[in-house]
N, C-alpha and C. Protein backbone atom coordinates (compact mmCIF):
# COMPACT_ATOMS: atom_id res chain seq x y z
N MET A 1 12.45 -10.32 -13.47
CA MET A 1 11.92 -11.23 -12.47
C MET A 1 11.20 -12.36 -13.18
N GLN A 2 11.54 -13.58 -12.83
CA GLN A 2 10.91 -14.73 -13.45
C GLN A 2 9.88 -15.32 -12.51
N ASN A 3 8.80 -15.77 -13.10
CA ASN A 3 7.78 -16.46 -12.31
C ASN A 3 8.19 -17.91 -12.13
N ASN A 4 8.08 -18.37 -10.92
CA ASN A 4 8.38 -19.76 -10.62
C ASN A 4 7.07 -20.44 -10.27
N PRO A 5 6.53 -21.26 -11.17
CA PRO A 5 5.22 -21.87 -10.91
C PRO A 5 5.22 -22.80 -9.71
N GLU A 6 6.40 -23.27 -9.29
CA GLU A 6 6.47 -24.17 -8.14
C GLU A 6 6.53 -23.43 -6.82
N LYS A 7 6.71 -22.14 -6.87
CA LYS A 7 6.82 -21.36 -5.64
C LYS A 7 5.45 -21.29 -4.96
N HIS A 8 5.39 -21.71 -3.73
CA HIS A 8 4.13 -21.74 -2.99
C HIS A 8 3.72 -20.32 -2.60
N LEU A 9 2.41 -20.08 -2.51
CA LEU A 9 1.91 -18.75 -2.15
C LEU A 9 2.48 -18.24 -0.84
N SER A 10 2.71 -19.13 0.12
CA SER A 10 3.19 -18.67 1.42
C SER A 10 4.61 -18.13 1.35
N GLU A 11 5.32 -18.38 0.26
CA GLU A 11 6.67 -17.86 0.10
C GLU A 11 6.65 -16.43 -0.45
N LYS A 12 5.53 -15.99 -0.96
CA LYS A 12 5.42 -14.63 -1.49
C LYS A 12 4.98 -13.70 -0.38
N SER A 13 5.52 -12.50 -0.39
CA SER A 13 5.15 -11.52 0.63
C SER A 13 3.78 -10.93 0.35
N LEU A 14 3.05 -10.62 1.39
CA LEU A 14 1.79 -9.91 1.27
C LEU A 14 2.09 -8.42 1.31
N ILE A 15 1.70 -7.70 0.30
CA ILE A 15 1.94 -6.26 0.23
C ILE A 15 0.69 -5.55 0.71
N ILE A 16 0.85 -4.70 1.71
CA ILE A 16 -0.27 -3.94 2.26
C ILE A 16 -0.11 -2.49 1.80
N PRO A 17 -0.97 -2.02 0.88
CA PRO A 17 -0.82 -0.66 0.37
C PRO A 17 -1.36 0.37 1.35
N ILE A 18 -0.51 1.27 1.77
CA ILE A 18 -0.92 2.40 2.62
C ILE A 18 -0.39 3.65 1.94
N PHE A 19 -1.30 4.53 1.55
CA PHE A 19 -0.93 5.74 0.83
C PHE A 19 -0.57 6.82 1.83
N ILE A 20 0.64 7.35 1.72
CA ILE A 20 1.08 8.44 2.60
C ILE A 20 0.93 9.74 1.82
N MET A 21 0.05 10.60 2.30
CA MET A 21 -0.25 11.84 1.60
C MET A 21 0.96 12.77 1.61
N ASN A 22 1.07 13.57 0.55
CA ASN A 22 2.16 14.52 0.39
C ASN A 22 1.55 15.90 0.24
N SER A 23 2.04 16.86 0.97
CA SER A 23 1.49 18.22 0.86
C SER A 23 2.39 19.11 0.01
N GLY A 24 3.16 18.52 -0.90
CA GLY A 24 4.10 19.26 -1.72
C GLY A 24 3.45 20.16 -2.76
N CYS A 25 2.86 19.60 -3.78
CA CYS A 25 2.32 20.36 -4.89
C CYS A 25 0.90 20.86 -4.57
N PRO A 26 0.65 22.16 -4.71
CA PRO A 26 -0.68 22.69 -4.39
C PRO A 26 -1.69 22.58 -5.53
N GLN A 27 -1.29 22.09 -6.70
CA GLN A 27 -2.20 22.01 -7.84
C GLN A 27 -3.25 20.94 -7.62
N ARG A 28 -4.31 20.97 -8.41
CA ARG A 28 -5.42 20.04 -8.21
C ARG A 28 -5.67 19.14 -9.42
N CYS A 29 -4.66 18.93 -10.27
CA CYS A 29 -4.86 18.02 -11.40
C CYS A 29 -4.86 16.58 -10.89
N ILE A 30 -5.17 15.64 -11.75
CA ILE A 30 -5.26 14.24 -11.34
C ILE A 30 -3.93 13.72 -10.80
N PHE A 31 -2.82 14.28 -11.25
CA PHE A 31 -1.52 13.81 -10.80
C PHE A 31 -1.15 14.37 -9.43
N CYS A 32 -1.60 15.58 -9.12
CA CYS A 32 -1.22 16.22 -7.86
C CYS A 32 -2.29 16.14 -6.78
N ASN A 33 -3.53 15.93 -7.17
CA ASN A 33 -4.61 15.85 -6.19
C ASN A 33 -4.69 14.42 -5.68
N GLU A 34 -4.10 14.19 -4.53
CA GLU A 34 -4.00 12.83 -4.01
C GLU A 34 -5.35 12.25 -3.61
N LYS A 35 -6.32 13.08 -3.28
CA LYS A 35 -7.64 12.56 -2.92
C LYS A 35 -8.33 11.95 -4.13
N ILE A 36 -8.08 12.51 -5.31
CA ILE A 36 -8.64 11.93 -6.53
C ILE A 36 -7.88 10.65 -6.87
N ALA A 37 -6.57 10.67 -6.76
CA ALA A 37 -5.75 9.53 -7.15
C ALA A 37 -5.86 8.36 -6.19
N ALA A 38 -5.93 8.62 -4.88
CA ALA A 38 -5.83 7.53 -3.90
C ALA A 38 -7.09 7.32 -3.08
N GLY A 39 -8.01 8.23 -3.12
CA GLY A 39 -9.19 8.08 -2.28
C GLY A 39 -9.10 8.95 -1.04
N ASN A 40 -9.97 8.74 -0.12
CA ASN A 40 -10.06 9.59 1.06
C ASN A 40 -9.22 9.03 2.20
N TYR A 41 -7.92 9.23 2.12
CA TYR A 41 -7.01 8.81 3.18
C TYR A 41 -6.80 9.97 4.15
N ALA A 42 -6.43 9.63 5.36
CA ALA A 42 -6.13 10.65 6.36
C ALA A 42 -4.89 11.43 5.93
N PRO A 43 -4.84 12.76 6.23
CA PRO A 43 -3.68 13.55 5.83
C PRO A 43 -2.39 13.09 6.51
N GLU A 44 -2.50 12.52 7.70
CA GLU A 44 -1.34 11.99 8.40
C GLU A 44 -1.60 10.52 8.73
N VAL A 45 -0.59 9.72 8.57
CA VAL A 45 -0.72 8.31 8.94
C VAL A 45 -0.28 8.20 10.40
N ILE A 46 -1.28 8.07 11.28
CA ILE A 46 -0.97 7.91 12.70
C ILE A 46 -1.02 6.42 13.04
N LYS A 47 -0.46 6.07 14.18
CA LYS A 47 -0.33 4.66 14.56
C LYS A 47 -1.67 3.92 14.54
N SER A 48 -2.72 4.52 15.06
CA SER A 48 -4.01 3.83 15.11
C SER A 48 -4.55 3.56 13.71
N PHE A 49 -4.39 4.50 12.78
CA PHE A 49 -4.82 4.29 11.40
C PHE A 49 -4.00 3.17 10.75
N PHE A 50 -2.68 3.24 10.91
CA PHE A 50 -1.79 2.23 10.35
C PHE A 50 -2.13 0.84 10.89
N ASP A 51 -2.28 0.73 12.20
CA ASP A 51 -2.60 -0.56 12.83
C ASP A 51 -3.94 -1.11 12.32
N GLY A 52 -4.92 -0.23 12.14
CA GLY A 52 -6.23 -0.65 11.64
C GLY A 52 -6.16 -1.16 10.21
N GLU A 53 -5.41 -0.47 9.35
CA GLU A 53 -5.26 -0.89 7.96
C GLU A 53 -4.55 -2.24 7.88
N VAL A 54 -3.49 -2.41 8.65
CA VAL A 54 -2.75 -3.67 8.64
C VAL A 54 -3.64 -4.80 9.15
N ALA A 55 -4.35 -4.58 10.24
CA ALA A 55 -5.24 -5.61 10.78
C ALA A 55 -6.32 -5.99 9.77
N SER A 56 -6.86 -5.01 9.06
CA SER A 56 -7.89 -5.26 8.06
C SER A 56 -7.35 -6.16 6.94
N TYR A 57 -6.18 -5.85 6.43
CA TYR A 57 -5.59 -6.66 5.37
C TYR A 57 -5.23 -8.05 5.86
N LEU A 58 -4.77 -8.17 7.10
CA LEU A 58 -4.42 -9.49 7.62
C LEU A 58 -5.66 -10.35 7.80
N ARG A 59 -6.81 -9.75 8.15
CA ARG A 59 -8.06 -10.51 8.23
C ARG A 59 -8.51 -10.96 6.85
N TRP A 60 -8.30 -10.12 5.85
CA TRP A 60 -8.71 -10.40 4.47
C TRP A 60 -7.85 -11.49 3.84
N ASN A 61 -6.57 -11.55 4.23
CA ASN A 61 -5.62 -12.49 3.63
C ASN A 61 -6.05 -13.93 3.88
N LYS A 62 -6.25 -14.68 2.81
CA LYS A 62 -6.71 -16.07 2.94
C LYS A 62 -5.59 -17.03 3.31
N ASP A 63 -4.38 -16.73 2.86
CA ASP A 63 -3.24 -17.59 3.16
C ASP A 63 -2.55 -17.07 4.41
N LYS A 64 -2.91 -17.59 5.56
CA LYS A 64 -2.43 -17.07 6.84
C LYS A 64 -0.94 -17.31 7.07
N MET A 65 -0.32 -18.14 6.24
CA MET A 65 1.11 -18.41 6.40
C MET A 65 1.97 -17.42 5.62
N ARG A 66 1.34 -16.56 4.84
CA ARG A 66 2.08 -15.61 4.02
C ARG A 66 2.73 -14.55 4.89
N ARG A 67 3.98 -14.24 4.62
CA ARG A 67 4.65 -13.22 5.42
C ARG A 67 4.30 -11.83 4.91
N VAL A 68 4.39 -10.86 5.78
CA VAL A 68 4.06 -9.47 5.44
C VAL A 68 5.34 -8.73 5.15
């Protein structure tokens, strides 16, 4: 991927990170313990949580023309 210095910020997508927890591995090392790796996220991503996270990032985004 090449950087194009002429590309305007509004042409770049805004990435909203939402961590989806996995209940696969029962171990508690740094790689398998998602609470250590990602923070205190809800075990299930429900619509109200998702909507709140997206709204929060959209308020934070300074370039309002940027697509999501």
